[in-house]
Protein backbone atom coordinates (compact mmCIF):
# COMPACT_ATOMS: atom_id res chain seq x y z
CA MET A 1 8.58 30.38 -32.15
CA SER A 2 9.07 28.90 -28.74
CA THR A 3 7.24 30.21 -25.69
CA MET A 4 7.59 29.55 -21.96
CA ASN A 5 4.95 27.55 -20.14
CA THR A 6 3.95 28.12 -16.50
CA ILE A 7 6.49 25.59 -15.28
CA GLY A 8 9.31 27.53 -16.89
CA ARG A 9 10.30 25.24 -19.80
CA PRO A 10 10.33 26.10 -23.47
CA THR A 11 7.49 24.60 -25.40
CA THR A 12 6.52 24.53 -29.13
CA PRO A 13 2.95 25.30 -30.23
CA ASN A 14 1.12 22.16 -31.38
CA ALA A 15 4.05 20.07 -30.31
CA VAL A 16 1.74 17.13 -29.69
CA THR A 17 0.40 17.02 -33.25
CA SER A 18 3.59 17.92 -35.09
CA LYS A 19 5.69 15.01 -33.94
CA PRO A 20 6.08 12.36 -36.62
CA ALA A 21 5.63 8.76 -35.62
CA THR A 22 8.89 6.82 -35.37
CA LEU A 23 9.60 3.92 -37.74
CA THR A 24 10.66 1.45 -35.06
CA GLY A 25 8.16 2.08 -32.27
CA GLY A 26 10.89 3.49 -30.07
CA ARG A 27 10.91 7.08 -29.02
CA GLY A 28 14.30 8.70 -28.42
CA LEU A 29 15.93 6.81 -25.56
CA LEU A 30 12.76 4.74 -24.88
CA GLN A 31 13.17 1.49 -26.67
CA ASN A 32 10.16 -0.45 -28.06
CA GLU A 33 10.29 -3.66 -26.05
CA HIS A 34 8.37 -6.84 -26.87
CA LEU A 35 7.08 -9.34 -24.42
CA ILE A 36 9.78 -11.69 -23.15
CA PHE A 37 7.93 -14.63 -24.80
CA GLU A 38 8.28 -12.91 -28.19
CA SER A 39 12.07 -12.71 -27.84
CA ASP A 40 14.36 -14.58 -30.20
CA GLY A 41 16.54 -17.44 -29.09
CA TRP A 42 14.46 -20.23 -27.68
CA GLY A 43 17.40 -22.65 -27.96
CA LYS A 44 20.02 -20.77 -26.02
CA THR A 45 20.71 -19.94 -22.36
CA GLY A 46 22.85 -17.36 -20.64
CA VAL A 47 23.99 -19.99 -18.01
CA ASP A 48 26.29 -22.90 -18.44
CA LEU A 49 24.95 -25.91 -16.72
CA PRO A 50 26.78 -29.26 -16.33
CA GLU A 51 25.60 -32.23 -18.26
CA PRO A 52 23.21 -34.35 -16.14
CA LYS A 53 24.58 -37.54 -14.77
CA THR A 54 21.42 -39.49 -15.48
CA ASP A 55 19.16 -39.63 -18.49
CA GLY A 56 15.84 -39.21 -16.63
CA SER A 57 14.64 -42.71 -17.59
CA ASP A 58 13.69 -43.25 -13.94
CA LEU A 59 11.00 -40.62 -14.33
CA GLY A 60 8.88 -42.78 -16.56
CA ASP A 61 5.95 -40.90 -18.13
CA LEU A 62 7.03 -37.73 -16.34
CA VAL A 63 9.82 -36.95 -18.75
CA ARG A 64 9.01 -33.77 -20.69
CA LYS A 65 8.50 -34.47 -24.44
CA ASP A 66 7.47 -30.96 -25.56
CA PRO A 67 9.40 -27.64 -25.62
CA ILE A 68 9.45 -26.02 -22.10
CA GLY A 69 7.87 -22.82 -23.49
CA LEU A 70 10.46 -20.43 -22.03
CA PRO A 71 12.63 -18.08 -24.06
CA GLY A 72 16.41 -18.26 -23.76
CA LEU A 73 18.22 -15.08 -23.18
CA SER A 74 21.80 -14.08 -22.68
CA GLU A 75 22.80 -11.96 -19.71
CA PRO A 76 22.83 -8.64 -21.72
CA GLU A 77 19.45 -9.48 -23.24
CA THR A 78 18.01 -10.23 -19.81
CA MET A 79 19.38 -7.00 -18.37
CA ARG A 80 18.20 -4.85 -21.27
CA HIS A 81 14.72 -6.39 -21.22
CA TYR A 82 14.07 -5.45 -17.61
CA VAL A 83 15.75 -2.02 -17.84
CA ARG A 84 13.60 -1.21 -20.85
CA LEU A 85 10.51 -2.38 -19.01
CA SER A 86 11.51 -0.17 -15.99
CA GLN A 87 11.53 2.89 -18.31
CA LYS A 88 7.85 2.31 -19.06
CA ASN A 89 6.82 2.57 -15.40
CA HIS A 90 6.67 5.41 -12.94
CA ALA A 91 8.80 4.83 -9.81
CA ILE A 92 9.39 6.47 -6.47
CA ASP A 93 13.09 6.76 -7.46
CA LEU A 94 11.93 8.87 -10.51
CA ALA A 95 9.67 11.43 -9.01
CA ILE A 96 6.98 12.09 -6.45
CA TYR A 97 4.43 9.26 -6.27
CA PRO A 98 1.38 11.21 -4.95
CA LEU A 99 -1.12 8.29 -4.39
CA GLY A 100 -3.37 9.19 -1.53
CA SER A 101 -4.14 6.53 1.11
CA CYS A 102 -0.97 4.65 0.01
CA THR A 103 2.02 6.46 1.43
CA MET A 104 4.42 5.81 -1.46
CA LYS A 105 7.58 7.06 0.35
CA HIS A 106 11.26 6.64 -0.47
CA ASN A 107 12.77 3.35 0.73
CA PRO A 108 16.24 4.14 2.18
CA ARG A 109 18.99 1.95 0.62
CA LEU A 110 20.39 1.44 4.11
CA ASN A 111 17.34 -0.68 4.86
CA GLU A 112 17.95 -2.85 1.82
CA LYS A 113 21.68 -3.25 2.87
CA MET A 114 20.62 -4.50 6.26
CA ALA A 115 17.95 -6.90 4.93
CA ARG A 116 20.66 -8.52 2.71
CA LEU A 117 23.06 -9.17 5.56
CA PRO A 118 23.90 -12.87 6.05
CA GLY A 119 21.90 -14.16 9.01
CA PHE A 120 18.82 -12.31 7.91
CA SER A 121 18.61 -12.99 4.16
CA ASP A 122 19.76 -16.61 4.04
CA ILE A 123 18.08 -18.25 7.03
CA HIS A 124 15.36 -20.89 6.93
CA PRO A 125 12.29 -20.97 9.15
CA LEU A 126 12.88 -24.63 10.10
CA GLN A 127 16.47 -24.03 11.38
CA PRO A 128 17.11 -24.90 15.00
CA ILE A 129 16.19 -21.94 17.32
CA SER A 130 19.83 -21.91 18.60
CA THR A 131 21.07 -20.93 15.11
CA VAL A 132 18.68 -17.94 14.65
CA GLN A 133 19.09 -16.17 17.93
CA GLY A 134 19.97 -12.85 16.17
CA ALA A 135 16.89 -12.95 13.91
CA LEU A 136 14.64 -13.67 16.87
CA GLU A 137 16.21 -10.73 18.82
CA LEU A 138 15.49 -8.49 15.89
CA MET A 139 11.81 -9.57 15.93
CA ASP A 140 11.73 -9.03 19.67
CA THR A 141 13.22 -5.54 19.33
CA LEU A 142 10.80 -4.66 16.51
CA SER A 143 7.91 -5.82 18.74
CA HIS A 144 9.25 -3.51 21.50
CA TRP A 145 9.27 -0.56 19.19
CA LEU A 146 5.77 -1.26 17.76
CA THR A 147 4.24 -1.67 21.21
CA THR A 148 5.96 1.40 22.60
CA LEU A 149 4.94 3.62 19.66
CA THR A 150 1.36 2.55 19.94
CA GLY A 151 0.99 2.22 23.72
CA MET A 152 -0.28 -1.40 23.29
CA PRO A 153 0.90 -4.39 25.38
CA ALA A 154 1.12 -7.05 22.62
CA VAL A 155 1.81 -7.35 18.96
CA ALA A 156 1.36 -10.16 16.32
CA LEU A 157 4.13 -9.87 13.72
CA SER A 158 3.03 -12.63 11.32
CA PRO A 159 0.28 -10.97 9.22
CA LYS A 160 1.51 -10.40 5.70
CA ALA A 161 -0.31 -7.19 4.77
CA GLY A 162 -2.83 -4.62 5.98
CA ALA A 163 -5.87 -6.67 5.02
CA HIS A 164 -4.26 -9.77 6.57
CA GLY A 165 -3.78 -7.66 9.68
CA GLU A 166 -7.46 -6.77 9.68
CA LEU A 167 -8.22 -10.49 9.48
CA CYS A 168 -5.91 -11.08 12.52
CA GLY A 169 -7.63 -8.31 14.55
CA LEU A 170 -11.16 -9.45 13.84
CA MET A 171 -10.27 -13.12 14.53
CA ALA A 172 -8.84 -12.08 17.88
CA ILE A 173 -12.06 -10.07 18.58
CA ARG A 174 -14.14 -13.13 17.62
CA ALA A 175 -12.02 -15.37 19.81
CA ALA A 176 -12.54 -13.02 22.70
CA HIS A 177 -16.31 -13.06 22.25
CA GLU A 178 -16.27 -16.82 21.94
CA ALA A 179 -14.36 -17.09 25.17
CA SER A 180 -16.93 -14.93 26.98
CA GLY A 181 -19.91 -16.79 25.34
CA GLU A 182 -21.18 -13.70 23.42
CA HIS A 183 -20.13 -14.60 19.88
CA GLU A 184 -23.48 -15.97 18.84
CA LYS A 185 -25.30 -12.74 19.61
CA ARG A 186 -22.58 -10.24 18.53
CA ARG A 187 -22.72 -10.71 14.80
CA LYS A 188 -22.39 -7.13 13.50
CA VAL A 189 -19.39 -4.90 12.72
CA LEU A 190 -19.94 -1.15 12.24
CA VAL A 191 -17.87 0.45 9.48
CA PRO A 192 -17.90 4.18 8.34
CA THR A 193 -18.82 5.11 4.76
CA SER A 194 -15.35 6.35 4.11
CA ALA A 195 -13.52 3.23 5.19
CA HIS A 196 -11.03 1.35 3.06
CA GLY A 197 -12.81 -1.29 1.07
CA THR A 198 -10.88 -4.06 2.87
CA ASN A 199 -12.65 -3.16 6.19
CA PRO A 200 -16.15 -4.34 5.23
CA ALA A 201 -14.66 -7.14 3.08
CA THR A 202 -12.65 -8.49 6.04
CA ALA A 203 -15.61 -8.30 8.43
CA ALA A 204 -17.80 -10.24 6.03
CA PHE A 205 -15.06 -12.78 5.43
CA VAL A 206 -14.87 -13.51 9.23
CA GLY A 207 -18.65 -14.04 9.17
CA TYR A 208 -19.97 -10.76 10.47
CA THR A 209 -22.83 -8.58 9.05
CA VAL A 210 -21.50 -5.16 8.01
CA VAL A 211 -23.49 -2.07 9.13
CA GLU A 212 -22.52 1.26 7.62
CA VAL A 213 -22.04 4.28 9.79
CA ALA A 214 -22.75 7.71 8.33
CA GLN A 215 -20.32 10.56 7.88
CA THR A 216 -20.72 14.21 8.84
CA GLN A 217 -20.46 17.13 6.51
CA ASP A 218 -16.96 17.87 7.68
CA GLY A 219 -15.77 14.35 6.71
CA ARG A 220 -15.76 12.52 10.08
CA VAL A 221 -17.71 9.70 11.77
CA ASP A 222 -21.23 10.66 12.67
CA VAL A 223 -21.13 9.89 16.36
CA ALA A 224 -24.89 10.17 16.79
CA ASP A 225 -25.50 7.58 13.97
CA LEU A 226 -22.78 5.39 15.52
CA ALA A 227 -24.44 5.46 18.93
CA SER A 228 -27.83 4.64 17.49
CA LYS A 229 -26.41 1.46 15.96
CA LEU A 230 -24.30 0.23 18.87
CA GLY A 231 -25.96 -2.46 20.93
CA ASP A 232 -25.39 -5.96 22.42
CA ASP A 233 -25.34 -7.42 18.86
CA VAL A 234 -22.24 -5.49 17.81
CA ALA A 235 -18.88 -7.24 17.98
CA ALA A 236 -16.73 -4.32 16.83
CA ILE A 237 -16.31 -1.07 15.07
CA MET A 238 -13.65 -0.44 12.44
CA VAL A 239 -12.48 3.18 12.16
CA THR A 240 -9.53 4.53 10.26
CA ASN A 241 -7.75 7.36 12.13
CA PRO A 242 -6.57 9.64 10.59
CA ASN A 243 -9.39 8.78 8.22
CA THR A 244 -9.44 8.27 4.46
CA CYS A 245 -10.42 11.89 3.96
CA GLY A 246 -7.08 12.92 5.53
CA LEU A 247 -8.68 14.09 8.71
CA PHE A 248 -8.20 13.28 12.33
CA GLU A 249 -11.28 11.90 14.07
CA ARG A 250 -11.77 14.63 16.74
CA ASP A 251 -14.37 12.54 18.54
CA ILE A 252 -12.21 9.49 18.77
CA LEU A 253 -12.29 9.28 22.57
CA GLU A 254 -16.09 9.44 22.58
CA ILE A 255 -16.21 6.78 19.82
CA SER A 256 -14.06 4.51 22.00
CA ARG A 257 -16.17 5.16 25.15
CA LEU A 258 -19.45 4.44 23.34
CA THR A 259 -17.97 1.25 21.77
CA HIS A 260 -16.68 -0.21 25.04
CA GLU A 261 -19.89 0.65 26.90
CA ALA A 262 -21.71 -1.46 24.38
CA GLY A 263 -19.41 -4.31 25.05
CA ALA A 264 -17.78 -4.13 21.57
CA TYR A 265 -14.13 -3.82 20.53
CA PHE A 266 -12.47 -0.95 18.78
CA TYR A 267 -10.56 -1.95 15.68
CA CYS A 268 -8.51 0.83 14.24
CA ASP A 269 -7.27 0.67 10.65
CA GLY A 270 -3.63 1.82 11.04
CA ALA A 271 -2.97 2.56 7.40
CA ASN A 272 -2.50 6.20 8.22
CA PHE A 273 -0.31 5.77 11.31
CA ASN A 274 2.32 7.51 9.27
CA ALA A 275 0.55 10.85 10.08
CA ILE A 276 0.66 10.44 13.90
CA VAL A 277 3.62 8.19 14.67
CA GLY A 278 5.66 9.51 17.54
CA ARG A 279 2.89 12.05 18.40
CA VAL A 280 -0.12 9.98 19.33
CA ARG A 281 -0.35 6.57 20.83
CA PRO A 282 -3.43 4.65 19.64
CA GLY A 283 -3.60 2.72 22.87
CA ASP A 284 -4.23 5.95 24.73
CA LEU A 285 -7.24 6.49 22.40
CA GLY A 286 -8.90 3.31 23.51
CA VAL A 287 -7.97 1.15 20.49
CA ASP A 288 -8.17 -2.64 21.01
CA ALA A 289 -6.54 -3.79 17.79
CA MET A 290 -4.76 -1.99 14.98
CA HIS A 291 -2.73 -3.21 11.99
CA ILE A 292 0.43 -1.23 11.06
CA ASN A 293 1.45 -1.30 7.41
CA LEU A 294 5.26 -1.50 7.57
CA HIS A 295 5.40 -0.22 3.91
CA LYS A 296 3.49 2.87 4.83
CA THR A 297 4.83 4.01 8.16
CA PHE A 298 8.21 2.37 8.26
CA SER A 299 9.30 2.50 4.54
CA THR A 300 9.43 -1.16 3.56
CA PRO A 301 8.79 -1.56 -0.19
CA HIS A 302 5.11 -1.18 -1.24
CA GLY A 303 3.32 -3.29 -3.71
CA GLY A 304 4.63 -5.09 -6.76
CA GLY A 305 3.40 -8.49 -5.53
CA GLY A 306 6.36 -9.00 -3.26
CA PRO A 307 6.47 -9.82 0.44
CA GLY A 308 4.56 -7.48 2.80
CA ALA A 309 4.03 -7.13 6.50
CA GLY A 310 1.06 -5.88 8.53
CA PRO A 311 1.73 -6.48 12.25
CA VAL A 312 -1.22 -6.07 14.64
CA VAL A 313 -0.99 -4.42 18.03
CA LEU A 314 -3.48 -5.72 20.61
CA SER A 315 -4.97 -4.38 23.88
CA GLU A 316 -4.71 -6.19 27.12
CA ALA A 317 -8.20 -7.64 26.57
CA LEU A 318 -7.23 -9.22 23.22
CA ALA A 319 -3.58 -9.98 23.83
CA PRO A 320 -4.27 -13.59 25.08
CA PHE A 321 -5.91 -14.41 21.79
CA ALA A 322 -3.05 -13.29 19.59
CA PRO A 323 -2.03 -15.84 16.85
CA ALA A 324 1.08 -17.94 17.31
CA PRO A 325 3.95 -17.75 16.99
CA TRP A 326 5.49 -14.97 19.04
CA VAL A 327 8.98 -14.41 20.48
CA VAL A 328 9.88 -14.53 24.15
CA HIS A 329 13.18 -13.92 25.93
CA ASP A 330 14.15 -15.86 29.04
CA GLN A 331 17.26 -17.27 30.72
CA ASN A 332 17.75 -19.68 27.81
CA GLY A 333 17.73 -16.94 25.19
CA TYR A 334 15.09 -16.24 22.54
CA ARG A 335 12.45 -18.81 21.60
CA LEU A 336 9.15 -19.01 19.71
CA ILE A 337 5.87 -19.73 21.47
CA GLU A 338 3.83 -22.03 19.31
CA ARG A 339 0.10 -22.80 19.46
CA GLU A 340 0.50 -26.23 20.90
CA GLU A 341 2.29 -25.02 23.95
CA ASP A 342 0.50 -24.07 27.17
CA GLU A 343 1.58 -20.45 26.83
CA ALA A 344 -0.44 -20.22 23.59
CA ALA A 345 -3.51 -22.03 24.76
CA GLN A 346 -5.87 -19.16 24.02
CA ALA A 347 -4.31 -18.22 20.60
CA PHE A 348 -6.94 -18.33 17.87
CA GLY A 349 -4.40 -20.28 15.68
CA ARG A 350 -1.90 -19.39 13.07
CA LEU A 351 -2.16 -16.92 10.14
CA CYS A 352 0.74 -18.32 8.11
CA ALA A 353 2.93 -21.30 8.06
CA PHE A 354 5.96 -19.74 9.74
CA GLN A 355 6.99 -16.46 11.41
CA GLY A 356 6.27 -13.83 8.81
CA GLN A 357 8.46 -11.72 6.46
CA MET A 358 11.95 -11.45 7.92
CA GLY A 359 13.20 -9.05 5.21
CA MET A 360 10.43 -6.60 6.10
CA TYR A 361 11.09 -6.88 9.75
CA THR A 362 14.77 -5.96 9.15
CA ARG A 363 13.89 -3.01 6.87
CA ALA A 364 11.36 -1.59 9.31
CA LEU A 365 13.61 -1.83 12.37
CA SER A 366 16.49 -0.32 10.38
CA TYR A 367 14.21 2.67 9.54
CA MET A 368 13.20 3.00 13.19
CA MET A 369 16.66 2.78 14.59
CA SER A 370 18.15 5.20 12.11
CA HIS A 371 15.44 7.76 12.91
CA GLY A 372 15.15 7.32 16.66
CA ALA A 373 12.16 8.52 18.70
CA ASP A 374 12.61 12.18 17.74
CA GLY A 375 13.09 11.27 14.02
CA LEU A 376 9.93 9.23 13.86
CA ARG A 377 8.01 12.15 15.41
CA GLN A 378 9.46 14.35 12.69
CA VAL A 379 8.22 11.83 10.03
CA ALA A 380 4.64 12.55 11.10
CA GLU A 381 5.18 16.33 11.37
CA ASP A 382 6.84 16.56 7.92
CA ALA A 383 4.13 14.38 6.29
CA VAL A 384 1.41 16.60 7.64
CA LEU A 385 3.29 19.79 6.79
CA ASN A 386 3.80 18.66 3.21
CA ALA A 387 0.15 17.73 2.72
CA ASN A 388 -1.01 21.03 4.11
CA TYR A 389 1.46 22.89 1.81
CA ILE A 390 -0.06 21.15 -1.18
CA LYS A 391 -3.61 21.95 0.02
CA ALA A 392 -2.66 25.63 0.55
CA ARG A 393 -0.98 26.09 -2.76
CA LEU A 394 -3.73 24.42 -4.81
CA SER A 395 -6.94 25.44 -3.05
CA ASP A 396 -7.31 28.62 -5.15
CA VAL A 397 -7.34 26.70 -8.41
CA MET A 398 -8.89 23.41 -7.23
CA SER A 399 -11.70 22.79 -4.84
CA ALA A 400 -10.71 21.23 -1.45
CA ALA A 401 -13.30 18.64 -0.35
CA PHE A 402 -13.08 19.88 3.25
CA PRO A 403 -11.65 23.35 3.07
CA GLU A 404 -12.04 24.23 6.72
CA GLY A 405 -9.00 23.64 8.91
CA PRO A 406 -5.83 21.71 8.23
CA CYS A 407 -5.63 18.22 6.83
CA MET A 408 -3.37 15.46 8.12
CA HIS A 409 -1.10 13.44 5.84
CA GLU A 410 -3.08 13.87 2.55
CA ALA A 411 -4.97 16.61 0.82
CA LEU A 412 -8.31 15.77 -0.67
CA PHE A 413 -9.87 17.66 -3.57
CA ASP A 414 -13.18 17.04 -5.39
CA ASP A 415 -14.24 17.86 -8.99
CA GLU A 416 -16.37 20.86 -8.27
CA TRP A 417 -13.82 23.11 -9.91
CA LEU A 418 -14.06 21.15 -13.13
CA LYS A 419 -17.71 21.78 -13.66
CA GLY A 420 -18.49 23.28 -17.05
CA THR A 421 -15.17 22.27 -18.55
CA ASP A 422 -16.21 18.91 -19.96
CA ILE A 423 -13.11 17.48 -18.23
CA THR A 424 -13.30 14.70 -15.61
CA THR A 425 -11.08 13.62 -12.82
CA LEU A 426 -9.86 10.76 -15.04
CA ASP A 427 -9.03 13.13 -17.93
CA PHE A 428 -7.07 15.35 -15.58
CA ALA A 429 -5.19 12.39 -14.15
CA LYS A 430 -4.26 11.18 -17.70
CA ALA A 431 -2.85 14.61 -18.52
CA MET A 432 -0.61 14.40 -15.43
CA ILE A 433 1.09 11.45 -17.09
CA ASP A 434 2.12 13.66 -19.99
CA GLU A 435 3.70 16.06 -17.55
CA GLY A 436 5.80 13.24 -16.05
CA PHE A 437 3.82 12.66 -12.90
CA HIS A 438 1.96 9.67 -11.56
CA PRO A 439 -1.64 10.50 -10.96
CA MET A 440 -3.05 10.93 -7.49
CA THR A 441 -5.65 8.44 -6.20
CA MET A 442 -8.82 9.02 -8.14
CA TYR A 443 -12.56 8.66 -7.14
CA PHE A 444 -11.61 7.54 -3.64
CA PRO A 445 -12.89 7.96 -1.01
CA LEU A 446 -16.28 7.34 -2.53
CA VAL A 447 -17.98 9.80 -0.29
CA VAL A 448 -16.35 12.65 -2.26
CA HIS A 449 -17.52 13.26 -5.86
CA GLY A 450 -14.68 13.00 -8.45
CA ALA A 451 -12.17 12.69 -5.54
CA MET A 452 -8.49 13.52 -6.05
CA LEU A 453 -6.51 12.31 -3.09
CA ILE A 454 -2.90 13.47 -2.91
CA GLU A 455 -0.39 12.22 -0.31
CA PRO A 456 3.16 13.65 -0.68
CA THR A 457 4.61 11.79 2.36
CA GLU A 458 7.51 13.21 4.44
CA THR A 459 10.24 12.27 2.06
CA GLU A 460 9.58 14.92 -0.59
CA SER A 461 11.56 18.20 -0.62
CA LYS A 462 9.97 21.58 -1.01
CA GLN A 463 11.62 21.78 -4.41
CA GLU A 464 9.94 18.55 -5.57
CA LEU A 465 6.61 19.56 -4.04
CA ASP A 466 6.87 22.99 -5.87
CA ARG A 467 7.62 21.20 -9.16
CA PHE A 468 4.49 18.98 -8.67
CA ILE A 469 2.33 21.91 -7.62
CA ASP A 470 3.41 24.05 -10.58
CA ALA A 471 2.43 21.21 -12.96
CA MET A 472 -0.90 20.86 -11.23
CA ARG A 473 -1.59 24.62 -11.41
CA ALA A 474 -0.60 24.71 -15.12
CA LEU A 475 -3.00 21.86 -15.89
CA ALA A 476 -5.75 23.42 -13.87
CA GLY A 477 -5.24 26.67 -15.87
CA ALA A 478 -5.39 24.70 -19.16
CA ALA A 479 -8.58 22.99 -18.04
CA LYS A 480 -10.33 26.19 -17.15
CA ALA A 481 -9.13 27.89 -20.35
CA GLY A 482 -10.98 25.26 -22.44
CA ASP A 483 -8.01 23.25 -23.71
CA VAL A 484 -10.13 20.14 -23.68
CA ASP A 485 -8.14 18.20 -26.30
CA ARG A 486 -5.09 18.15 -24.05
CA PHE A 487 -7.06 16.18 -21.55
CA LYS A 488 -9.46 14.01 -23.56
CA GLY A 489 -6.68 12.40 -25.61
CA ALA A 490 -4.05 12.13 -22.84
CA PRO A 491 -1.62 10.59 -22.34
CA PHE A 492 0.04 11.50 -25.68
CA HIS A 493 3.65 11.03 -24.51
CA ALA A 494 3.43 7.75 -22.52
CA PRO A 495 4.70 4.43 -23.88
CA MET A 496 1.07 3.26 -23.80
CA LYS A 497 -1.84 5.51 -24.76
CA ARG A 498 -5.21 5.62 -23.06
CA LEU A 499 -6.81 2.24 -22.67
CA ASP A 500 -10.45 1.15 -22.87
CA GLU A 501 -10.52 0.58 -19.15
CA THR A 502 -14.08 -0.87 -19.16
CA ARG A 503 -13.02 -3.43 -21.73
CA ALA A 504 -9.75 -4.15 -19.90
CA ALA A 505 -11.69 -4.85 -16.70
CA ARG A 506 -14.35 -7.00 -18.37
CA ALA A 507 -12.14 -8.92 -20.77
CA PRO A 508 -8.64 -9.01 -19.41
CA VAL A 509 -5.91 -10.89 -21.28
CA LEU A 510 -4.15 -12.90 -18.53
CA ARG A 511 -2.29 -15.47 -20.55
CA TRP A 512 0.17 -15.13 -23.37
CA THR A 513 -0.33 -17.24 -26.42
CA ALA A 514 1.98 -17.53 -29.41
CA PRO A 515 0.79 -15.75 -32.56
CA GLN A 516 -0.94 -18.11 -34.99
CA GLY A 517 1.52 -19.55 -37.42
CA SER A 518 4.64 -18.53 -35.44
CA ASN A 519 7.50 -20.92 -34.83
CA ILE A 520 7.84 -19.79 -31.17
CA ALA A 521 7.75 -22.73 -28.74
CA ALA A 522 4.25 -22.69 -27.15
CA GLU A 523 3.25 -23.96 -23.76
């Protein structure tokens, strides 16, 4: 007999164990898809190519003698392969993507349409400046918006990601200390315990010694510990605000004052700018450098190995050391300032070969202009409202890591509420997959035991938030009721079951090889 679960859908007792295995490996509308290299048809192609006019004899020993090692697929086969693969992955277009510290928000299709316009999508970085005036104007306009929103006088657009932006900021700081003759004695960078892992990694990469700064019981920078470690050997501090615990650093002005009194620079990790955009200008807080993840705050696509963008805004003290190139507008139109020109004499160099990611600039500016100043302010307000709604609705069944007061853009829970259940944060996350939800960020920040970091972003409706919350409450109830098997074996319904994560990390399979004895063309 069917019953109703707490989410309001009919369920059959023992449904997990009563389902027979399928004979094909497919399940319902989910096809069992092999690797593309295991596909049939190595001798065909879905594209008609003209016969070559030469025989390749002029290539000498460079003529290929062995099979190319790539499968041949028709157009329907290619389309089906990638559609089937897409059904095995979670996506922001499918449901809420609650990864904390990542801001996995909806990417408006208007942005994609703009990025594909001729003149943006088909230009080349080596074209004459006269032929790309529109693209340079777009970069100049984007720079204006970024400096206006942050209250900073300059911006470097070229960094390709957040960590690349950190590199840019610290290299500008290093160049400033070199110019003042202080670099040799200022060899330390102070980083809070709750920082993103890229912060200490970037500081070490630039050649600094990383010194950890303690955290208070309420999840913020310990100002007393910071003050005790500041001195004339410190080059910079790196503070995320709002921080990785989802909290605003209430002592941020004091942190800035102490840093500058010590002759150091204040680098702010801008990963969470989404929570304060339109409401707080980092420049007013004393920030000297801050990267902005365009995929987090301004909705350009996130992850997947594609192009990224992490522009860095700079204070007046650091602006002269910004990397080339940058755009200027004068009586002759728009042009690029390059390192070898006098105007870029103090630039620390270049971060990439050309001007950065044009497609990401276009998407971000489209997002900004479609929202306007008031809309961007609402982005922050809705992101914070959604996170606090989740915290309020789950705090009676899960333990908030910092229960006192509101959070910012993300709600952080620990595993205290799971004590005595024999269920871990990982088990709970795997069971979320069975309910059709991507897990939240697990075990981060490291300062919270068994952390569960949830960031709903501003693009989720109350209906979708309630659907997610109902699923979380139902799972929490099952955990407390002792339904351990539901969690320890999860996920049961995903295309792939639970992996041996330790083995996967220590012995990853990174290269496909043809099965022994097969007639598939090998590399």
